[in-house]
Amino acid sequence: MKSKKRASYKNGVIKMFLLVIIGMVIGGVTGKLYFTFGENMTGVTGSFLVVITKIMLPLLSLITVITVLGGEYCYNRLKKIGVKILETEDEECDKWEYEEERWGGILVNLGVVSQVLCFVILSTGYSIRYIQEVSDQRRGQFLVSCIIFIICYFYNAIAQTRYVKLVQKIHPEKQGDPFSKGFQKEFLGSCDEAEKEVIYKSAYHTYVMMQRTIGILLVITMLLHLFFNTGLLAVIVVGVIYLVSTFSYTHSCVQLRKRKIS
């Protein structure tokens, strides 16, 4: 047993040492590339952002159209799948419930992707300095872009609500008002044990994946600030997300243990 523990510590030290070496190599290569092509890279990045800002309105319009068309297509597929679930027997029903989960996931992912893209694109011109310096025509285009952004955002919110309502129509046992504060808790409480197990396993998988991803993002944001002076805000935001996710998980574990002994 002791030999296994020693081997575990040894493997851990070796892995950390290798990570340090890899980090040094990446830092050295990145530094060499920056000092060799740094000005050109900064210029290319700046030019790219300027181009995005100029075509902000058509880009946001295109994303909104794709979001609406894709969302409606997914919703119609879900409605047809719902009819099949209500009509088929238990064995065949499992297949259609899988399809329901798959198309529901596509609908949710489509909404998240469109929101992230809209936020990023709008942020390229979302500053007081930009609004003050551009012409009246560009300022008007930016205002229209903001309106389209809001339309896309509201459509995604409505699409999520329609999806929940459809699931509740197909599965009447599912409870909860999507607009209420305690919806997630109430909806989870109405799920059976098999569904809860899937949710819990998925949530833990997400937590583990996020812990790894956030750690990588912290390193990336630090490097970007080092070479491109992107500011501390990005590092702070990622760090806060890291703290919140870790504290939330550990607090939940402690509370569940407390309930078990009380």
Protein backbone atom coordinates (compact mmCIF):
# COMPACT_ATOMS: atom_id res chain seq x y z
CA MET A 1 0.00 0.00 0.00
CA LYS A 2 2.84 2.36 0.94
CA SER A 3 4.65 1.56 -2.30
CA LYS A 4 1.53 2.48 -4.26
CA LYS A 5 1.29 5.81 -2.43
CA ARG A 6 4.97 6.55 -3.11
CA ALA A 7 4.48 5.67 -6.77
CA SER A 8 1.45 7.97 -6.87
CA TYR A 9 3.43 10.88 -5.41
CA LYS A 10 6.30 10.15 -7.77
CA ASN A 11 4.01 10.12 -10.81
CA GLY A 12 2.41 13.36 -9.67
CA VAL A 13 5.77 15.11 -9.27
CA ILE A 14 6.91 13.85 -12.68
CA LYS A 15 3.71 15.08 -14.34
CA MET A 16 4.03 18.52 -12.72
CA PHE A 17 7.69 18.72 -13.75
CA LEU A 18 6.76 17.81 -17.34
CA LEU A 19 4.03 20.45 -17.33
CA VAL A 20 6.57 23.04 -16.18
CA ILE A 21 8.95 22.03 -18.98
CA ILE A 22 6.14 22.16 -21.55
CA GLY A 23 5.11 25.58 -20.25
CA MET A 24 8.69 26.85 -20.55
CA VAL A 25 8.92 25.56 -24.11
CA ILE A 26 5.59 27.12 -25.09
CA GLY A 27 6.57 30.40 -23.43
CA GLY A 28 9.93 30.43 -25.20
CA VAL A 29 8.44 29.67 -28.61
CA THR A 30 5.63 32.18 -28.11
CA GLY A 31 8.10 34.86 -27.00
CA LYS A 32 10.33 34.22 -30.01
CA LEU A 33 7.36 34.46 -32.39
CA TYR A 34 6.18 37.65 -30.72
CA PHE A 35 9.55 39.42 -30.91
CA THR A 36 9.90 38.27 -34.53
CA PHE A 37 6.38 38.91 -35.80
CA GLY A 38 4.83 40.81 -32.90
CA GLU A 39 4.10 44.07 -34.68
CA ASN A 40 2.76 42.28 -37.75
CA MET A 41 0.54 40.03 -35.59
CA THR A 42 -0.82 43.04 -33.69
CA GLY A 43 -1.49 44.84 -36.97
CA VAL A 44 -3.27 41.83 -38.46
CA THR A 45 -5.39 41.42 -35.32
CA GLY A 46 -6.30 45.11 -35.33
CA SER A 47 -7.19 45.01 -39.03
CA PHE A 48 -9.34 41.93 -38.49
CA LEU A 49 -11.28 43.63 -35.68
CA VAL A 50 -11.78 46.72 -37.83
CA VAL A 51 -13.22 44.57 -40.61
CA ILE A 52 -15.56 42.81 -38.15
CA THR A 53 -16.71 46.20 -36.84
CA LYS A 54 -17.47 47.45 -40.36
CA ILE A 55 -19.60 44.42 -41.24
CA MET A 56 -21.16 44.12 -37.78
CA LEU A 57 -24.71 44.78 -38.98
CA PRO A 58 -24.83 42.15 -41.77
CA LEU A 59 -23.04 39.62 -39.55
CA LEU A 60 -25.52 40.02 -36.71
CA SER A 61 -28.40 39.92 -39.18
CA LEU A 62 -27.07 36.68 -40.69
CA ILE A 63 -26.59 35.07 -37.27
CA THR A 64 -30.12 36.07 -36.24
CA VAL A 65 -31.65 34.63 -39.43
CA ILE A 66 -29.72 31.36 -39.04
CA THR A 67 -30.70 31.19 -35.37
CA VAL A 68 -34.40 31.65 -36.10
CA LEU A 69 -34.45 29.20 -39.02
CA GLY A 70 -32.40 26.61 -37.15
CA GLY A 71 -34.42 27.06 -33.97
CA GLU A 72 -37.74 26.63 -35.76
CA TYR A 73 -36.44 23.56 -37.60
CA CYS A 74 -35.34 21.94 -34.32
CA TYR A 75 -38.62 22.85 -32.62
CA ASN A 76 -40.68 21.29 -35.43
CA ARG A 77 -38.56 18.14 -35.25
CA LEU A 78 -39.18 18.01 -31.50
CA LYS A 79 -42.93 18.34 -32.03
CA LYS A 80 -42.94 15.40 -34.43
CA ILE A 81 -40.80 13.36 -32.03
CA GLY A 82 -43.23 14.21 -29.24
CA VAL A 83 -46.10 12.73 -31.25
CA LYS A 84 -44.09 9.53 -31.75
CA ILE A 85 -43.34 9.31 -28.02
CA LEU A 86 -47.02 9.57 -27.14
CA GLU A 87 -48.02 6.96 -29.73
CA THR A 88 -45.35 4.24 -29.33
CA GLU A 89 -44.78 1.52 -26.74
CA ASP A 90 -42.08 1.52 -24.06
CA GLU A 91 -39.28 -0.20 -26.02
CA GLU A 92 -39.76 1.94 -29.12
CA CYS A 93 -40.29 4.96 -26.93
CA ASP A 94 -36.69 4.83 -25.67
CA LYS A 95 -35.47 5.47 -29.21
CA TRP A 96 -37.69 8.52 -29.62
CA GLU A 97 -36.73 9.86 -26.19
CA TYR A 98 -33.11 9.66 -27.30
CA GLU A 99 -34.03 11.67 -30.40
CA GLU A 100 -35.87 14.13 -28.19
CA GLU A 101 -32.77 14.61 -26.04
CA ARG A 102 -30.54 14.95 -29.10
CA TRP A 103 -32.62 17.58 -30.89
CA GLY A 104 -33.23 19.41 -27.63
CA GLY A 105 -29.46 19.57 -27.13
CA ILE A 106 -29.00 20.90 -30.67
CA LEU A 107 -31.61 23.60 -30.01
CA VAL A 108 -29.94 24.66 -26.76
CA ASN A 109 -26.44 24.64 -28.27
CA LEU A 110 -27.60 26.67 -31.25
CA GLY A 111 -28.95 29.34 -28.93
CA VAL A 112 -25.77 29.49 -26.87
CA VAL A 113 -23.51 29.67 -29.94
CA SER A 114 -25.57 32.48 -31.46
CA GLN A 115 -25.52 34.45 -28.19
CA VAL A 116 -21.74 34.11 -27.81
CA LEU A 117 -21.13 35.14 -31.43
CA CYS A 118 -23.48 38.12 -31.09
CA PHE A 119 -21.77 39.27 -27.88
CA VAL A 120 -18.30 38.99 -29.43
CA ILE A 121 -19.24 40.76 -32.68
CA LEU A 122 -21.14 43.56 -30.94
CA SER A 123 -18.27 44.06 -28.50
CA THR A 124 -15.90 45.03 -31.32
CA GLY A 125 -17.72 48.38 -31.52
CA TYR A 126 -19.31 48.49 -28.11
CA SER A 127 -17.37 51.37 -26.58
CA ILE A 128 -18.02 55.05 -25.88
CA ARG A 129 -14.89 55.96 -27.84
CA TYR A 130 -16.11 54.15 -30.95
CA ILE A 131 -19.58 55.72 -30.72
CA GLN A 132 -18.08 59.22 -30.34
CA GLU A 133 -15.55 58.90 -33.16
CA VAL A 134 -17.60 57.29 -35.95
CA SER A 135 -19.84 59.16 -38.38
CA ASP A 136 -23.57 59.59 -37.88
CA GLN A 137 -24.25 56.89 -40.48
CA ARG A 138 -22.02 54.36 -38.71
CA ARG A 139 -23.54 55.36 -35.39
CA GLY A 140 -26.99 54.62 -36.80
CA GLN A 141 -25.81 51.25 -38.09
CA PHE A 142 -24.45 50.45 -34.66
CA LEU A 143 -27.82 51.30 -33.11
CA VAL A 144 -29.58 48.96 -35.56
CA SER A 145 -26.99 46.30 -34.71
CA CYS A 146 -27.89 46.66 -31.03
CA ILE A 147 -31.58 46.22 -31.88
CA ILE A 148 -30.85 43.06 -33.90
CA PHE A 149 -28.73 41.78 -31.02
CA ILE A 150 -31.68 42.26 -28.64
CA ILE A 151 -34.05 40.54 -31.10
CA CYS A 152 -31.74 37.52 -31.34
CA TYR A 153 -31.37 37.42 -27.56
CA PHE A 154 -35.13 37.51 -26.97
CA TYR A 155 -35.76 34.87 -29.63
CA ASN A 156 -33.33 32.52 -27.88
CA ALA A 157 -35.05 33.13 -24.55
CA ILE A 158 -38.48 32.45 -26.08
CA ALA A 159 -37.16 29.37 -27.90
CA GLN A 160 -35.87 27.92 -24.61
CA THR A 161 -39.26 28.55 -22.98
CA ARG A 162 -41.12 26.93 -25.87
CA TYR A 163 -38.81 23.91 -25.61
CA VAL A 164 -39.53 23.51 -21.90
CA LYS A 165 -43.28 23.86 -22.47
CA LEU A 166 -43.13 21.25 -25.24
CA VAL A 167 -41.25 18.82 -22.98
CA GLN A 168 -43.89 19.36 -20.28
CA LYS A 169 -46.63 18.70 -22.84
CA ILE A 170 -44.98 15.45 -23.92
CA HIS A 171 -44.18 14.48 -20.31
CA PRO A 172 -47.02 15.88 -18.14
CA GLU A 173 -45.21 14.78 -14.96
CA LYS A 174 -42.55 17.45 -15.53
CA GLN A 175 -43.29 20.45 -13.33
CA GLY A 176 -42.07 24.03 -13.08
CA ASP A 177 -42.63 27.45 -14.57
CA PRO A 178 -39.68 28.45 -16.84
CA PHE A 179 -40.06 32.07 -15.68
CA SER A 180 -39.98 31.26 -11.95
CA LYS A 181 -36.84 31.54 -9.82
CA GLY A 182 -37.04 27.96 -8.57
CA PHE A 183 -37.74 26.37 -11.94
CA GLN A 184 -34.58 24.24 -12.08
CA LYS A 185 -35.18 22.79 -8.62
CA GLU A 186 -38.86 22.11 -9.28
CA PHE A 187 -38.19 20.56 -12.69
CA LEU A 188 -35.46 18.33 -11.24
CA GLY A 189 -37.78 17.24 -8.42
CA SER A 190 -40.34 16.02 -10.96
CA CYS A 191 -37.81 13.78 -12.75
CA ASP A 192 -37.60 10.07 -11.96
CA GLU A 193 -34.47 8.44 -10.50
CA ALA A 194 -33.06 7.37 -13.88
CA GLU A 195 -33.39 10.91 -15.25
CA LYS A 196 -31.82 12.36 -12.10
CA GLU A 197 -28.87 9.99 -12.44
CA VAL A 198 -28.29 11.20 -16.00
CA ILE A 199 -28.50 14.83 -14.87
CA TYR A 200 -26.12 14.29 -11.93
CA LYS A 201 -23.54 12.44 -14.02
CA SER A 202 -23.74 15.08 -16.75
CA ALA A 203 -23.36 17.86 -14.17
CA TYR A 204 -20.27 16.24 -12.65
CA HIS A 205 -18.77 15.64 -16.09
CA THR A 206 -19.39 19.32 -16.88
CA TYR A 207 -17.73 20.39 -13.61
CA VAL A 208 -14.60 18.32 -14.31
CA MET A 209 -14.41 19.60 -17.89
CA MET A 210 -14.87 23.21 -16.78
CA GLN A 211 -12.12 22.93 -14.14
CA ARG A 212 -9.67 21.82 -16.84
CA THR A 213 -10.88 24.38 -19.37
CA ILE A 214 -10.76 27.29 -16.93
CA GLY A 215 -7.21 26.42 -15.92
CA ILE A 216 -6.15 26.50 -19.57
CA LEU A 217 -8.01 29.77 -20.14
CA LEU A 218 -6.21 31.36 -17.19
CA VAL A 219 -2.85 30.55 -18.79
CA ILE A 220 -4.03 31.79 -22.20
CA THR A 221 -5.36 35.09 -20.84
CA MET A 222 -2.12 35.66 -18.91
CA LEU A 223 -0.06 35.05 -22.06
CA LEU A 224 -2.28 37.34 -24.12
CA HIS A 225 -1.87 40.08 -21.51
CA LEU A 226 1.90 39.53 -21.47
CA PHE A 227 2.36 39.82 -25.22
CA PHE A 228 -0.59 41.90 -26.42
CA ASN A 229 -1.44 43.94 -23.30
CA THR A 230 -5.07 42.82 -23.38
CA GLY A 231 -5.59 43.94 -19.78
CA LEU A 232 -6.15 42.27 -16.43
CA LEU A 233 -9.93 42.14 -16.73
CA ALA A 234 -9.95 38.94 -18.78
CA VAL A 235 -7.67 37.22 -16.26
CA ILE A 236 -9.80 38.45 -13.35
CA VAL A 237 -13.06 37.31 -14.97
CA VAL A 238 -11.73 33.81 -15.67
CA GLY A 239 -10.30 33.68 -12.16
CA VAL A 240 -13.66 34.66 -10.64
CA ILE A 241 -15.40 31.94 -12.68
CA TYR A 242 -12.80 29.46 -11.39
CA LEU A 243 -13.47 30.52 -7.78
CA VAL A 244 -17.25 30.47 -8.11
CA SER A 245 -17.36 27.02 -9.73
CA THR A 246 -14.98 25.52 -7.15
CA PHE A 247 -16.62 27.15 -4.12
CA SER A 248 -20.09 26.21 -5.37
CA TYR A 249 -19.09 22.56 -5.80
CA THR A 250 -17.33 22.24 -2.42
CA HIS A 251 -20.15 24.10 -0.62
CA SER A 252 -22.72 21.76 -2.16
CA CYS A 253 -20.70 18.71 -1.07
CA VAL A 254 -20.43 20.00 2.50
CA GLN A 255 -24.16 20.79 2.69
CA LEU A 256 -25.12 17.35 1.40
CA ARG A 257 -22.88 15.72 4.01
CA LYS A 258 -24.41 17.91 6.70
CA ARG A 259 -27.93 16.86 5.72
CA LYS A 260 -26.87 13.22 5.84
CA ILE A 261 -25.77 13.38 9.49
CA SER A 262 -28.58 15.67 10.70
